N, C-alpha and C. Protein backbone atom coordinates (compact mmCIF):
# COMPACT_ATOMS: atom_id res chain seq x y z
N MET A 1 8.87 10.39 4.71
CA MET A 1 8.02 9.39 4.07
C MET A 1 7.24 10.06 2.94
N LYS A 2 7.30 9.46 1.79
CA LYS A 2 6.57 9.97 0.64
C LYS A 2 5.12 9.50 0.71
N GLU A 3 4.22 10.39 0.30
CA GLU A 3 2.81 10.06 0.33
C GLU A 3 2.17 10.32 -1.02
N VAL A 4 1.04 9.67 -1.22
CA VAL A 4 0.27 9.84 -2.44
C VAL A 4 -1.20 9.85 -2.04
N LYS A 5 -1.98 10.63 -2.75
CA LYS A 5 -3.43 10.68 -2.53
C LYS A 5 -4.12 9.70 -3.48
N SER A 6 -5.35 9.38 -3.17
CA SER A 6 -6.11 8.42 -3.97
C SER A 6 -6.19 8.81 -5.44
N GLU A 7 -6.36 10.10 -5.72
CA GLU A 7 -6.47 10.55 -7.11
C GLU A 7 -5.20 10.20 -7.90
N ASN A 8 -4.03 10.37 -7.24
CA ASN A 8 -2.77 10.05 -7.90
C ASN A 8 -2.62 8.56 -8.13
N LEU A 9 -3.00 7.77 -7.14
CA LEU A 9 -2.92 6.32 -7.31
C LEU A 9 -3.83 5.88 -8.45
N LYS A 10 -5.03 6.42 -8.52
CA LYS A 10 -5.94 6.05 -9.61
C LYS A 10 -5.29 6.37 -10.96
N THR A 11 -4.65 7.52 -11.07
CA THR A 11 -3.96 7.89 -12.32
C THR A 11 -2.85 6.89 -12.63
N PHE A 12 -2.04 6.54 -11.63
CA PHE A 12 -0.97 5.55 -11.85
C PHE A 12 -1.56 4.27 -12.43
N LEU A 13 -2.64 3.79 -11.82
CA LEU A 13 -3.22 2.51 -12.24
C LEU A 13 -3.93 2.64 -13.59
N ASP A 14 -4.58 3.77 -13.84
CA ASP A 14 -5.28 3.98 -15.11
C ASP A 14 -4.33 3.98 -16.30
N VAL A 15 -3.13 4.52 -16.12
CA VAL A 15 -2.17 4.58 -17.23
C VAL A 15 -1.18 3.41 -17.21
N ASN A 16 -1.50 2.41 -16.36
CA ASN A 16 -0.67 1.21 -16.27
C ASN A 16 0.78 1.52 -15.90
N GLU A 17 0.97 2.54 -15.06
CA GLU A 17 2.32 2.81 -14.57
C GLU A 17 2.81 1.60 -13.79
N ASN A 18 4.08 1.34 -13.85
CA ASN A 18 4.66 0.19 -13.16
C ASN A 18 4.66 0.44 -11.66
N VAL A 19 3.54 0.05 -11.03
CA VAL A 19 3.35 0.27 -9.60
C VAL A 19 2.72 -0.96 -8.99
N GLN A 20 3.14 -1.29 -7.80
CA GLN A 20 2.58 -2.41 -7.04
C GLN A 20 1.84 -1.83 -5.83
N THR A 21 0.70 -2.41 -5.48
CA THR A 21 0.03 -1.99 -4.26
C THR A 21 0.25 -3.04 -3.18
N LEU A 22 0.24 -2.59 -1.94
CA LEU A 22 0.41 -3.47 -0.79
C LEU A 22 -0.64 -3.11 0.25
N ASP A 23 -1.58 -4.01 0.46
CA ASP A 23 -2.65 -3.87 1.45
C ASP A 23 -2.15 -4.46 2.76
N VAL A 24 -2.08 -3.64 3.82
CA VAL A 24 -1.60 -4.13 5.11
C VAL A 24 -2.75 -4.31 6.11
N ARG A 25 -3.99 -4.30 5.62
CA ARG A 25 -5.14 -4.55 6.49
C ARG A 25 -5.28 -6.04 6.74
N GLU A 26 -6.07 -6.38 7.74
CA GLU A 26 -6.34 -7.79 8.03
C GLU A 26 -7.32 -8.35 6.99
N GLU A 27 -7.34 -9.66 6.87
CA GLU A 27 -8.15 -10.34 5.85
C GLU A 27 -9.62 -9.94 5.91
N ASP A 28 -10.20 -9.88 7.09
CA ASP A 28 -11.63 -9.58 7.19
C ASP A 28 -11.99 -8.17 6.72
N GLU A 29 -11.03 -7.26 6.69
CA GLU A 29 -11.29 -5.90 6.22
C GLU A 29 -11.41 -5.83 4.70
N ARG A 30 -10.89 -6.81 4.02
CA ARG A 30 -10.89 -6.79 2.55
C ARG A 30 -12.27 -7.00 1.96
N GLN A 31 -13.22 -7.49 2.76
CA GLN A 31 -14.58 -7.68 2.25
C GLN A 31 -15.22 -6.36 1.83
N TYR A 32 -14.71 -5.24 2.32
CA TYR A 32 -15.25 -3.93 1.98
C TYR A 32 -14.61 -3.35 0.74
N GLY A 33 -13.63 -4.05 0.18
CA GLY A 33 -12.98 -3.60 -1.04
C GLY A 33 -11.47 -3.61 -0.91
N TYR A 34 -10.82 -3.73 -2.06
CA TYR A 34 -9.36 -3.74 -2.10
C TYR A 34 -8.91 -3.45 -3.52
N ILE A 35 -7.62 -3.22 -3.67
CA ILE A 35 -7.00 -3.01 -4.97
C ILE A 35 -6.19 -4.27 -5.27
N GLU A 36 -6.28 -4.77 -6.49
CA GLU A 36 -5.48 -5.94 -6.85
C GLU A 36 -4.01 -5.66 -6.56
N GLY A 37 -3.34 -6.61 -5.97
CA GLY A 37 -1.93 -6.46 -5.63
C GLY A 37 -1.58 -7.35 -4.46
N LEU A 38 -0.53 -7.00 -3.77
CA LEU A 38 -0.09 -7.77 -2.62
C LEU A 38 -0.98 -7.53 -1.42
N HIS A 39 -1.18 -8.59 -0.65
CA HIS A 39 -1.88 -8.46 0.63
C HIS A 39 -1.01 -9.12 1.69
N ILE A 40 -0.42 -8.29 2.54
CA ILE A 40 0.36 -8.79 3.67
C ILE A 40 -0.08 -7.97 4.88
N PRO A 41 -0.92 -8.56 5.75
CA PRO A 41 -1.35 -7.81 6.92
C PRO A 41 -0.15 -7.32 7.74
N LEU A 42 -0.30 -6.15 8.34
CA LEU A 42 0.78 -5.58 9.14
C LEU A 42 1.27 -6.58 10.18
N SER A 43 0.36 -7.37 10.73
CA SER A 43 0.73 -8.36 11.74
C SER A 43 1.64 -9.45 11.19
N GLN A 44 1.72 -9.60 9.88
CA GLN A 44 2.56 -10.64 9.26
C GLN A 44 3.76 -10.07 8.52
N LEU A 45 3.87 -8.77 8.48
CA LEU A 45 4.89 -8.14 7.64
C LEU A 45 6.31 -8.50 8.05
N GLU A 46 6.57 -8.62 9.33
CA GLU A 46 7.92 -8.94 9.78
C GLU A 46 8.41 -10.27 9.20
N ASN A 47 7.51 -11.22 9.02
CA ASN A 47 7.88 -12.53 8.48
C ASN A 47 7.78 -12.62 6.96
N ARG A 48 7.12 -11.65 6.32
CA ARG A 48 6.86 -11.76 4.88
C ARG A 48 7.39 -10.59 4.06
N TYR A 49 8.15 -9.69 4.66
CA TYR A 49 8.58 -8.48 3.95
C TYR A 49 9.39 -8.75 2.70
N THR A 50 10.01 -9.92 2.61
CA THR A 50 10.80 -10.24 1.41
C THR A 50 9.92 -10.42 0.17
N GLU A 51 8.61 -10.52 0.34
CA GLU A 51 7.68 -10.62 -0.79
C GLU A 51 7.45 -9.27 -1.47
N VAL A 52 7.82 -8.20 -0.80
CA VAL A 52 7.60 -6.85 -1.33
C VAL A 52 8.75 -6.51 -2.29
N PRO A 53 8.42 -6.11 -3.53
CA PRO A 53 9.48 -5.78 -4.49
C PRO A 53 10.21 -4.50 -4.11
N LYS A 54 11.50 -4.46 -4.45
CA LYS A 54 12.31 -3.27 -4.21
C LYS A 54 12.60 -2.51 -5.50
N ASP A 55 12.22 -3.08 -6.64
CA ASP A 55 12.62 -2.51 -7.93
C ASP A 55 11.52 -1.72 -8.63
N ILE A 56 10.33 -1.62 -8.03
CA ILE A 56 9.26 -0.80 -8.60
C ILE A 56 8.60 0.00 -7.47
N LYS A 57 7.84 1.01 -7.85
CA LYS A 57 7.11 1.83 -6.88
C LYS A 57 6.06 0.96 -6.19
N VAL A 58 5.99 1.05 -4.86
CA VAL A 58 5.01 0.30 -4.08
C VAL A 58 4.17 1.29 -3.28
N VAL A 59 2.86 1.25 -3.50
CA VAL A 59 1.94 2.09 -2.74
C VAL A 59 1.33 1.22 -1.65
N VAL A 60 1.60 1.60 -0.39
CA VAL A 60 1.15 0.84 0.77
C VAL A 60 -0.12 1.49 1.29
N TYR A 61 -1.15 0.66 1.56
CA TYR A 61 -2.40 1.24 2.03
C TYR A 61 -3.06 0.42 3.12
N CYS A 62 -3.93 1.11 3.85
CA CYS A 62 -4.77 0.50 4.88
C CYS A 62 -6.09 1.27 4.87
N ALA A 63 -6.81 1.26 5.97
CA ALA A 63 -8.10 1.95 6.00
C ALA A 63 -7.94 3.47 5.99
N GLY A 64 -6.99 3.99 6.77
CA GLY A 64 -6.89 5.43 6.88
C GLY A 64 -5.50 6.01 6.81
N GLY A 65 -4.48 5.19 6.62
CA GLY A 65 -3.12 5.70 6.46
C GLY A 65 -2.19 5.50 7.64
N LEU A 66 -2.69 5.03 8.78
CA LEU A 66 -1.83 4.88 9.95
C LEU A 66 -1.04 3.57 9.94
N ARG A 67 -1.72 2.46 9.69
CA ARG A 67 -0.98 1.18 9.63
C ARG A 67 -0.02 1.16 8.46
N SER A 68 -0.41 1.78 7.36
CA SER A 68 0.50 1.81 6.22
C SER A 68 1.75 2.62 6.56
N LYS A 69 1.63 3.67 7.36
CA LYS A 69 2.81 4.41 7.81
C LYS A 69 3.72 3.52 8.65
N LYS A 70 3.13 2.74 9.54
CA LYS A 70 3.92 1.81 10.37
C LYS A 70 4.62 0.79 9.49
N ALA A 71 3.91 0.29 8.48
CA ALA A 71 4.50 -0.69 7.56
C ALA A 71 5.67 -0.08 6.82
N ILE A 72 5.52 1.14 6.35
CA ILE A 72 6.59 1.81 5.62
C ILE A 72 7.79 2.05 6.53
N GLU A 73 7.56 2.48 7.75
CA GLU A 73 8.67 2.67 8.69
C GLU A 73 9.44 1.37 8.88
N PHE A 74 8.72 0.26 9.03
CA PHE A 74 9.37 -1.04 9.17
C PHE A 74 10.17 -1.38 7.91
N LEU A 75 9.56 -1.23 6.75
CA LEU A 75 10.23 -1.58 5.49
C LEU A 75 11.42 -0.68 5.20
N GLU A 76 11.31 0.59 5.53
CA GLU A 76 12.45 1.48 5.31
C GLU A 76 13.64 1.06 6.18
N ASN A 77 13.37 0.51 7.34
CA ASN A 77 14.46 -0.02 8.18
C ASN A 77 15.07 -1.29 7.59
N LYS A 78 14.40 -1.86 6.60
CA LYS A 78 14.92 -3.03 5.87
C LYS A 78 15.47 -2.62 4.51
N SER A 79 15.81 -1.36 4.36
CA SER A 79 16.45 -0.81 3.16
C SER A 79 15.53 -0.62 1.96
N PHE A 80 14.24 -0.51 2.16
CA PHE A 80 13.33 -0.18 1.07
C PHE A 80 13.33 1.33 0.88
N SER A 81 13.35 1.77 -0.37
CA SER A 81 13.32 3.21 -0.66
C SER A 81 12.30 3.54 -1.75
N ASN A 82 11.45 2.61 -2.09
CA ASN A 82 10.53 2.74 -3.21
C ASN A 82 9.06 2.81 -2.77
N LEU A 83 8.82 3.28 -1.56
CA LEU A 83 7.49 3.17 -0.95
C LEU A 83 6.76 4.51 -0.91
N LEU A 84 5.45 4.43 -1.13
CA LEU A 84 4.56 5.59 -1.01
C LEU A 84 3.40 5.20 -0.11
N ASN A 85 3.02 6.08 0.79
CA ASN A 85 1.88 5.84 1.66
C ASN A 85 0.63 6.43 1.03
N LEU A 86 -0.43 5.62 0.92
CA LEU A 86 -1.72 6.13 0.46
C LEU A 86 -2.34 6.87 1.65
N SER A 87 -2.10 8.16 1.72
CA SER A 87 -2.37 8.94 2.93
C SER A 87 -3.85 9.04 3.30
N ASP A 88 -4.74 8.95 2.31
CA ASP A 88 -6.16 9.06 2.63
C ASP A 88 -6.87 7.71 2.69
N GLY A 89 -6.15 6.62 2.53
CA GLY A 89 -6.71 5.29 2.75
C GLY A 89 -7.52 4.72 1.60
N ILE A 90 -7.78 3.43 1.70
CA ILE A 90 -8.45 2.68 0.64
C ILE A 90 -9.87 3.15 0.39
N TYR A 91 -10.59 3.59 1.42
CA TYR A 91 -11.99 3.94 1.22
C TYR A 91 -12.15 5.20 0.38
N GLU A 92 -11.22 6.11 0.48
CA GLU A 92 -11.25 7.28 -0.40
C GLU A 92 -10.96 6.85 -1.85
N TYR A 93 -10.02 5.92 -2.00
CA TYR A 93 -9.72 5.43 -3.35
C TYR A 93 -10.97 4.74 -3.95
N LEU A 94 -11.64 3.94 -3.16
CA LEU A 94 -12.79 3.19 -3.68
C LEU A 94 -13.93 4.12 -4.13
N LYS A 95 -14.00 5.31 -3.58
CA LYS A 95 -15.01 6.27 -4.03
C LYS A 95 -14.75 6.74 -5.45
N LEU A 96 -13.51 6.60 -5.91
CA LEU A 96 -13.12 7.08 -7.25
C LEU A 96 -13.32 6.04 -8.35
N VAL A 97 -13.48 4.79 -7.97
CA VAL A 97 -13.58 3.74 -8.99
C VAL A 97 -14.97 3.17 -9.09
């Protein structure tokens, strides 16, 4: 599984690199902050995974990197190969912006 740190994600977004983010946290967790992009809670991913693009880099994130790993494992079993795990989680990213 490929991983990315918050600093790298910030650079991707700052230079407008063609990247999509995917938040797999539950709706109530988003009140603490989020990155514009897709929001599909892990609990709904099995029914909504077709919404995730396969043709661009997708950075999957949650609070600390564990649910995003589970999401990536699921998606890789559905033939996704364009995924990066935000290993240090959304709260580390939010400290940078």
